[in-house]
Amino acid sequence: KTGPQNSCLFVARPVVQRLRAMEQEARPAEVSASKRPRFAARSHAALGKDGDGTEPFVFFVIADPQIGMHATFHNGDPLVWKAELDLTQLAVREINRLRPTFAIVVGDMVNEFPASQTGRSFNEEARRRQIEDTKAAFNETDSEIPVFFLCGNHDVGDAPCEASIAEYRQHFGEDYYSFWCRGIRLLVMNSCLWKDDKEAKELREEHDRWLDNELNCRPDSESRTIAFCHHPPFLFRDDEPAGYFNLEPSFRMELLKKLRGGGVVACFCGHYHRNAGGIHRSPEGESLEVVTTSSAGCVITEKPGIARVLL
């Protein structure tokens, strides 16, 4: 929830992460973006900067539909992903039923890596069809409900490059941007550039300059910002060791300090294929909550010595 008294409540769901309003029904969003996202030929209703940040609103966070993942882990047909597509379509029907102010997909729309990904085989037909099926599924969202996207590592590669990001932009829009909703600023970041920038040094520099500028343009000390990215800065604790699913600790702490200083109170992420989350607190006592949402498709379950991928 977002509402009076600068309070925020974040509630996890396995398939769709919901930020429920204090009101029964939320009116459609009004959007204003510094880098306007685009999705195919759809136009979004306008979100607005107007407001003092106290009016409640609802948004959905959907993580890692990643159609095609199940076949990869279970030696299935690489061109069959009906069960995962059914779950994505279910998420879209829930968006239409519950009518949030907006929805955002926090990366890994597809499983097949881009052609630029090194060290992996590339199935051109699988990637093309996965992108087509994902776009078709989300095009069933009610046209009055804006849907935003950000890139995950399967969308632009573990080590993104100019070509992979250009391909992503062609299909899903800008890889980073900001917009406003009722006096709350929302930042959509490309964490893939932080995870591995060896093929994209200049792109990362451009991204980080943009982010610094956004954070330095905080309207006042009371204004709040919500951030989104694919990789969680941390899963459960801000001092946890580095791993595949989080960001490197020294950069993580630098990033959290920068975000909190710019008024960010929460960061919504995916990538982990399980629910996770924790709170970072600054020495001054200010807090930033990281909310990691499980996959809308395949989830990872763990037992001692065993990791399984399930639908």
Protein backbone atom coordinates (compact mmCIF):
# COMPACT_ATOMS: atom_id res chain seq x y z
CA LYS A 1 0.00 0.00 0.00
CA THR A 2 0.97 3.58 -0.40
CA GLY A 3 -0.94 6.19 1.49
CA PRO A 4 -0.96 8.72 4.30
CA GLN A 5 1.67 8.94 7.01
CA ASN A 6 4.41 7.86 4.56
CA SER A 7 3.53 4.23 5.30
CA CYS A 8 4.26 1.35 2.95
CA LEU A 9 3.12 -2.27 3.22
CA PHE A 10 4.41 -4.87 0.77
CA VAL A 11 2.72 -8.27 0.59
CA ALA A 12 4.22 -11.21 -1.33
CA ARG A 13 2.28 -13.58 -3.61
CA PRO A 14 3.77 -16.59 -5.44
CA VAL A 15 2.55 -15.62 -8.91
CA VAL A 16 1.69 -11.93 -8.78
CA GLN A 17 3.18 -9.43 -6.33
CA ARG A 18 0.43 -7.00 -5.31
CA LEU A 19 0.59 -3.67 -3.62
CA ARG A 20 -3.02 -3.34 -2.42
CA ALA A 21 -4.62 0.07 -1.99
CA MET A 22 -6.55 1.18 1.05
CA GLU A 23 -9.42 1.95 -1.26
CA GLN A 24 -11.64 -0.76 -2.73
CA GLU A 25 -11.17 0.26 -6.35
CA ALA A 26 -8.28 2.13 -7.93
CA ARG A 27 -8.92 4.40 -10.86
CA PRO A 28 -6.76 3.93 -13.97
CA ALA A 29 -3.24 5.26 -13.83
CA GLU A 30 -2.00 8.52 -15.24
CA VAL A 31 1.57 8.28 -16.56
CA SER A 32 4.41 10.73 -17.22
CA ALA A 33 7.83 9.29 -18.07
CA SER A 34 11.28 10.80 -18.53
CA LYS A 35 11.99 7.85 -20.82
CA ARG A 36 8.60 6.60 -21.90
CA PRO A 37 8.38 2.81 -22.16
CA ARG A 38 6.63 1.40 -25.17
CA PHE A 39 5.16 -2.03 -25.74
CA ALA A 40 4.53 -2.98 -29.35
CA ALA A 41 2.13 -0.40 -30.77
CA ARG A 42 0.10 0.01 -27.59
CA SER A 43 -0.34 3.43 -26.07
CA HIS A 44 -0.68 3.76 -22.33
CA ALA A 45 -3.06 5.91 -20.40
CA ALA A 46 -1.16 8.85 -18.93
CA LEU A 47 0.11 8.58 -15.36
CA GLY A 48 0.47 11.81 -13.48
CA LYS A 49 3.02 13.67 -11.42
CA ASP A 50 0.18 15.52 -9.72
CA GLY A 51 -0.40 14.58 -6.11
CA ASP A 52 1.35 14.76 -2.76
CA GLY A 53 2.19 11.06 -2.50
CA THR A 54 -0.56 10.29 0.00
CA GLU A 55 -3.30 9.07 -2.36
CA PRO A 56 -3.47 5.25 -2.33
CA PHE A 57 -2.86 3.26 -5.50
CA VAL A 58 -2.41 -0.36 -6.54
CA PHE A 59 0.26 -1.95 -8.72
CA PHE A 60 1.14 -5.50 -9.73
CA VAL A 61 4.67 -6.84 -9.91
CA ILE A 62 5.07 -9.93 -12.08
CA ALA A 63 8.47 -11.64 -12.11
CA ASP A 64 10.13 -14.04 -14.54
CA PRO A 65 7.38 -15.47 -16.75
CA GLN A 66 10.41 -16.93 -18.58
CA ILE A 67 8.48 -19.17 -20.93
CA GLY A 68 10.62 -22.10 -22.07
CA MET A 69 12.49 -22.58 -18.79
CA HIS A 70 10.77 -25.83 -17.79
CA ALA A 71 11.81 -27.65 -20.97
CA THR A 72 15.41 -26.50 -20.51
CA PHE A 73 15.66 -28.00 -17.03
CA HIS A 74 13.69 -31.18 -17.78
CA ASN A 75 15.04 -32.05 -21.24
CA GLY A 76 11.71 -31.32 -22.86
CA ASP A 77 10.82 -30.08 -26.32
CA PRO A 78 12.56 -26.67 -26.61
CA LEU A 79 9.62 -25.36 -28.65
CA VAL A 80 6.87 -26.33 -26.19
CA TRP A 81 5.94 -24.04 -23.27
CA LYS A 82 2.14 -24.26 -23.03
CA ALA A 83 2.05 -24.65 -19.22
CA GLU A 84 4.21 -21.56 -18.66
CA LEU A 85 2.25 -19.56 -21.21
CA ASP A 86 -0.97 -20.59 -19.45
CA LEU A 87 0.40 -19.16 -16.20
CA THR A 88 1.36 -15.90 -17.90
CA GLN A 89 -2.14 -15.65 -19.36
CA LEU A 90 -3.55 -16.34 -15.88
CA ALA A 91 -1.52 -13.43 -14.51
CA VAL A 92 -2.93 -11.19 -17.26
CA ARG A 93 -6.48 -12.26 -16.40
CA GLU A 94 -5.79 -11.38 -12.75
CA ILE A 95 -4.57 -7.95 -13.80
CA ASN A 96 -7.79 -7.40 -15.73
CA ARG A 97 -9.93 -8.71 -12.86
CA LEU A 98 -8.31 -6.71 -10.06
CA ARG A 99 -7.62 -3.60 -12.15
CA PRO A 100 -4.44 -2.21 -10.60
CA THR A 101 -3.23 1.30 -11.28
CA PHE A 102 -0.49 -0.24 -13.41
CA ALA A 103 1.43 -3.52 -13.78
CA ILE A 104 5.15 -4.09 -14.24
CA VAL A 105 7.05 -7.22 -15.34
CA VAL A 106 10.47 -7.23 -13.65
CA GLY A 107 12.41 -9.10 -16.32
CA ASP A 108 13.04 -12.47 -17.92
CA MET A 109 10.01 -12.46 -20.15
CA VAL A 110 11.58 -15.33 -22.13
CA ASN A 111 14.02 -18.12 -21.35
CA GLU A 112 16.06 -18.35 -24.58
CA PHE A 113 19.14 -16.13 -24.31
CA PRO A 114 19.93 -13.63 -27.10
CA ALA A 115 22.24 -14.59 -29.95
CA SER A 116 25.02 -12.45 -28.45
CA GLN A 117 25.22 -14.64 -25.34
CA THR A 118 28.53 -16.51 -25.37
CA GLY A 119 29.06 -20.02 -24.06
CA ARG A 120 25.49 -21.14 -24.74
CA SER A 121 23.75 -22.69 -27.70
CA PHE A 122 21.22 -20.44 -29.42
CA ASN A 123 17.83 -21.51 -30.74
CA GLU A 124 16.68 -18.67 -32.97
CA GLU A 125 13.18 -20.08 -33.51
CA ALA A 126 12.62 -20.62 -29.79
CA ARG A 127 13.61 -17.05 -28.94
CA ARG A 128 11.50 -15.55 -31.71
CA ARG A 129 8.42 -17.54 -30.73
CA GLN A 130 8.87 -16.94 -27.01
CA ILE A 131 9.00 -13.20 -27.60
CA GLU A 132 5.93 -13.36 -29.85
CA ASP A 133 3.92 -15.44 -27.36
CA THR A 134 4.87 -13.19 -24.43
CA LYS A 135 3.88 -10.03 -26.28
CA ALA A 136 0.61 -11.62 -27.41
CA ALA A 137 -0.21 -12.65 -23.83
CA PHE A 138 0.37 -9.18 -22.37
CA ASN A 139 -1.49 -7.55 -25.25
CA GLU A 140 -4.60 -9.09 -23.69
CA THR A 141 -4.26 -6.68 -20.76
CA ASP A 142 -7.07 -4.15 -20.66
CA SER A 143 -5.91 -1.12 -22.63
CA GLU A 144 -6.77 1.17 -19.68
CA ILE A 145 -4.16 -0.56 -17.48
CA PRO A 146 -0.56 0.42 -18.34
CA VAL A 147 1.93 -2.44 -18.44
CA PHE A 148 5.64 -1.69 -18.02
CA PHE A 149 8.64 -3.94 -18.59
CA LEU A 150 12.27 -4.10 -17.55
CA CYS A 151 15.02 -6.39 -18.76
CA GLY A 152 16.38 -9.51 -17.11
CA ASN A 153 19.48 -11.50 -17.90
CA HIS A 154 17.60 -13.89 -20.19
CA ASP A 155 16.27 -10.91 -22.14
CA VAL A 156 19.61 -9.16 -22.75
CA GLY A 157 22.18 -11.79 -21.74
CA ASP A 158 24.27 -12.45 -18.63
CA ALA A 159 26.76 -9.99 -20.12
CA PRO A 160 24.55 -7.53 -22.04
CA CYS A 161 25.92 -5.73 -25.06
CA GLU A 162 24.78 -3.01 -27.44
CA ALA A 163 23.17 -5.54 -29.82
CA SER A 164 21.23 -7.42 -27.14
CA ILE A 165 19.92 -4.23 -25.55
CA ALA A 166 18.94 -2.86 -28.97
CA GLU A 167 16.97 -6.04 -29.62
CA TYR A 168 15.28 -5.75 -26.23
CA ARG A 169 14.30 -2.14 -26.89
CA GLN A 170 12.81 -3.14 -30.24
CA HIS A 171 10.42 -5.57 -28.57
CA PHE A 172 9.78 -4.26 -25.05
CA GLY A 173 10.83 -0.61 -24.92
CA GLU A 174 13.52 1.31 -23.06
CA ASP A 175 15.72 -0.68 -20.69
CA TYR A 176 15.60 2.08 -18.06
CA TYR A 177 13.26 5.01 -17.42
CA SER A 178 11.25 6.80 -14.76
CA PHE A 179 7.61 7.75 -14.38
CA TRP A 180 5.30 9.26 -11.80
CA CYS A 181 2.10 8.03 -10.20
CA ARG A 182 0.11 10.35 -7.96
CA GLY A 183 3.12 12.15 -6.57
CA ILE A 184 5.26 9.01 -6.21
CA ARG A 185 8.28 8.68 -8.50
CA LEU A 186 9.06 5.24 -9.91
CA LEU A 187 12.49 4.28 -11.22
CA VAL A 188 12.97 1.33 -13.58
CA MET A 189 16.64 0.30 -13.60
CA ASN A 190 18.76 -2.07 -15.71
CA SER A 191 20.54 -4.22 -13.12
CA CYS A 192 22.00 -6.48 -15.83
CA LEU A 193 24.54 -3.73 -16.50
CA TRP A 194 25.62 -3.90 -12.85
CA LYS A 195 25.90 -7.67 -12.79
CA ASP A 196 28.31 -7.86 -15.74
CA ASP A 197 29.28 -4.83 -17.82
CA LYS A 198 32.33 -6.20 -19.65
CA GLU A 199 30.56 -5.85 -23.03
CA ALA A 200 28.71 -2.66 -22.15
CA LYS A 201 30.96 -0.21 -20.30
CA GLU A 202 29.62 2.89 -22.08
CA LEU A 203 26.00 1.75 -21.72
CA ARG A 204 26.50 1.27 -18.01
CA GLU A 205 28.07 4.71 -17.66
CA GLU A 206 25.08 6.26 -19.45
CA HIS A 207 22.67 4.32 -17.24
CA ASP A 208 24.44 5.30 -14.03
CA ARG A 209 24.57 8.97 -15.02
CA TRP A 210 20.84 8.83 -15.67
CA LEU A 211 20.22 7.23 -12.28
CA ASP A 212 22.38 9.76 -10.45
CA ASN A 213 20.51 12.58 -12.15
CA GLU A 214 17.13 11.08 -11.21
CA LEU A 215 18.15 10.63 -7.58
CA ASN A 216 19.64 14.12 -7.39
CA CYS A 217 16.37 15.61 -8.68
CA ARG A 218 14.37 14.57 -5.63
CA PRO A 219 11.69 17.27 -5.27
CA ASP A 220 11.98 17.52 -1.47
CA SER A 221 13.18 15.58 1.54
CA GLU A 222 9.72 14.12 2.16
CA SER A 223 9.07 12.77 -1.35
CA ARG A 224 9.20 9.01 -1.84
CA THR A 225 10.43 6.88 -4.71
CA ILE A 226 9.87 3.21 -5.54
CA ALA A 227 12.49 1.38 -7.63
CA PHE A 228 12.35 -1.74 -9.79
CA CYS A 229 15.12 -3.94 -11.19
CA HIS A 230 15.64 -7.59 -12.10
CA HIS A 231 18.48 -8.57 -9.75
CA PRO A 232 17.83 -8.10 -6.02
CA PRO A 233 20.57 -6.07 -4.30
CA PHE A 234 20.27 -8.73 -1.58
CA LEU A 235 17.91 -11.62 -0.90
CA PHE A 236 17.47 -11.57 2.88
CA ARG A 237 20.25 -9.49 4.49
CA ASP A 238 22.19 -6.53 3.19
CA ASP A 239 25.45 -8.08 4.50
CA GLU A 240 24.99 -11.49 2.86
CA PRO A 241 27.79 -12.82 0.60
CA ALA A 242 27.77 -12.40 -3.16
CA GLY A 243 26.06 -15.03 -5.27
CA TYR A 244 24.35 -15.64 -8.59
CA PHE A 245 21.07 -14.14 -7.43
CA ASN A 246 22.25 -10.93 -5.73
CA LEU A 247 24.66 -8.05 -6.33
CA GLU A 248 28.29 -7.87 -5.22
CA PRO A 249 28.45 -6.63 -1.59
CA SER A 250 30.62 -3.53 -1.94
CA PHE A 251 28.65 -2.25 -4.92
CA ARG A 252 25.42 -3.29 -3.19
CA MET A 253 26.06 -1.09 -0.17
CA GLU A 254 27.07 1.83 -2.37
CA LEU A 255 23.88 1.40 -4.39
CA LEU A 256 21.61 1.10 -1.35
CA LYS A 257 23.13 4.25 0.14
CA LYS A 258 22.61 6.11 -3.11
CA LEU A 259 19.02 4.92 -3.52
CA ARG A 260 18.06 5.70 0.06
CA GLY A 261 19.63 9.14 -0.21
CA GLY A 262 17.46 9.78 -3.24
CA GLY A 263 14.26 8.94 -1.38
CA VAL A 264 13.84 5.31 -2.46
CA VAL A 265 11.84 3.41 0.16
CA ALA A 266 11.42 0.09 -1.65
CA CYS A 267 12.95 -1.87 -4.51
CA PHE A 268 10.95 -4.63 -6.25
CA CYS A 269 12.91 -7.40 -7.96
CA GLY A 270 12.70 -10.88 -9.49
CA HIS A 271 15.39 -13.31 -10.74
CA TYR A 272 15.37 -15.59 -7.67
CA HIS A 273 12.32 -17.70 -8.71
CA ARG A 274 11.34 -17.77 -5.03
CA ASN A 275 9.96 -15.16 -2.68
CA ALA A 276 12.54 -13.30 -0.61
CA GLY A 277 13.10 -9.92 0.96
CA GLY A 278 14.68 -7.88 3.68
CA ILE A 279 15.22 -4.35 4.97
CA HIS A 280 18.34 -2.23 4.68
CA ARG A 281 18.70 0.39 7.40
CA SER A 282 21.05 3.32 7.18
CA PRO A 283 23.13 4.52 10.16
CA GLU A 284 20.60 7.37 10.43
CA GLY A 285 17.77 4.85 10.85
CA GLU A 286 16.21 5.25 7.42
CA SER A 287 15.03 2.05 5.79
CA LEU A 288 14.77 0.64 2.27
CA GLU A 289 12.85 -2.59 1.73
CA VAL A 290 13.87 -5.08 -0.96
CA VAL A 291 10.94 -7.22 -2.12
CA THR A 292 11.78 -10.21 -4.34
CA THR A 293 8.86 -11.91 -6.07
CA SER A 294 8.82 -15.53 -7.17
CA SER A 295 8.37 -16.50 -10.79
CA ALA A 296 5.04 -16.33 -12.59
CA GLY A 297 6.23 -19.48 -14.39
CA CYS A 298 8.79 -21.94 -13.02
CA VAL A 299 9.69 -21.75 -9.35
CA ILE A 300 12.81 -23.22 -7.75
CA THR A 301 12.36 -25.37 -4.67
CA GLU A 302 15.32 -26.37 -2.52
CA LYS A 303 16.04 -29.25 -0.18
CA PRO A 304 19.45 -30.20 1.21
CA GLY A 305 21.56 -31.14 -1.80
CA ILE A 306 18.64 -30.82 -4.20
CA ALA A 307 17.30 -27.97 -6.29
CA ARG A 308 14.21 -28.57 -8.42
CA VAL A 309 12.44 -26.43 -11.01
CA LEU A 310 8.68 -26.81 -10.87
CA LEU A 311 5.64 -25.32 -12.54
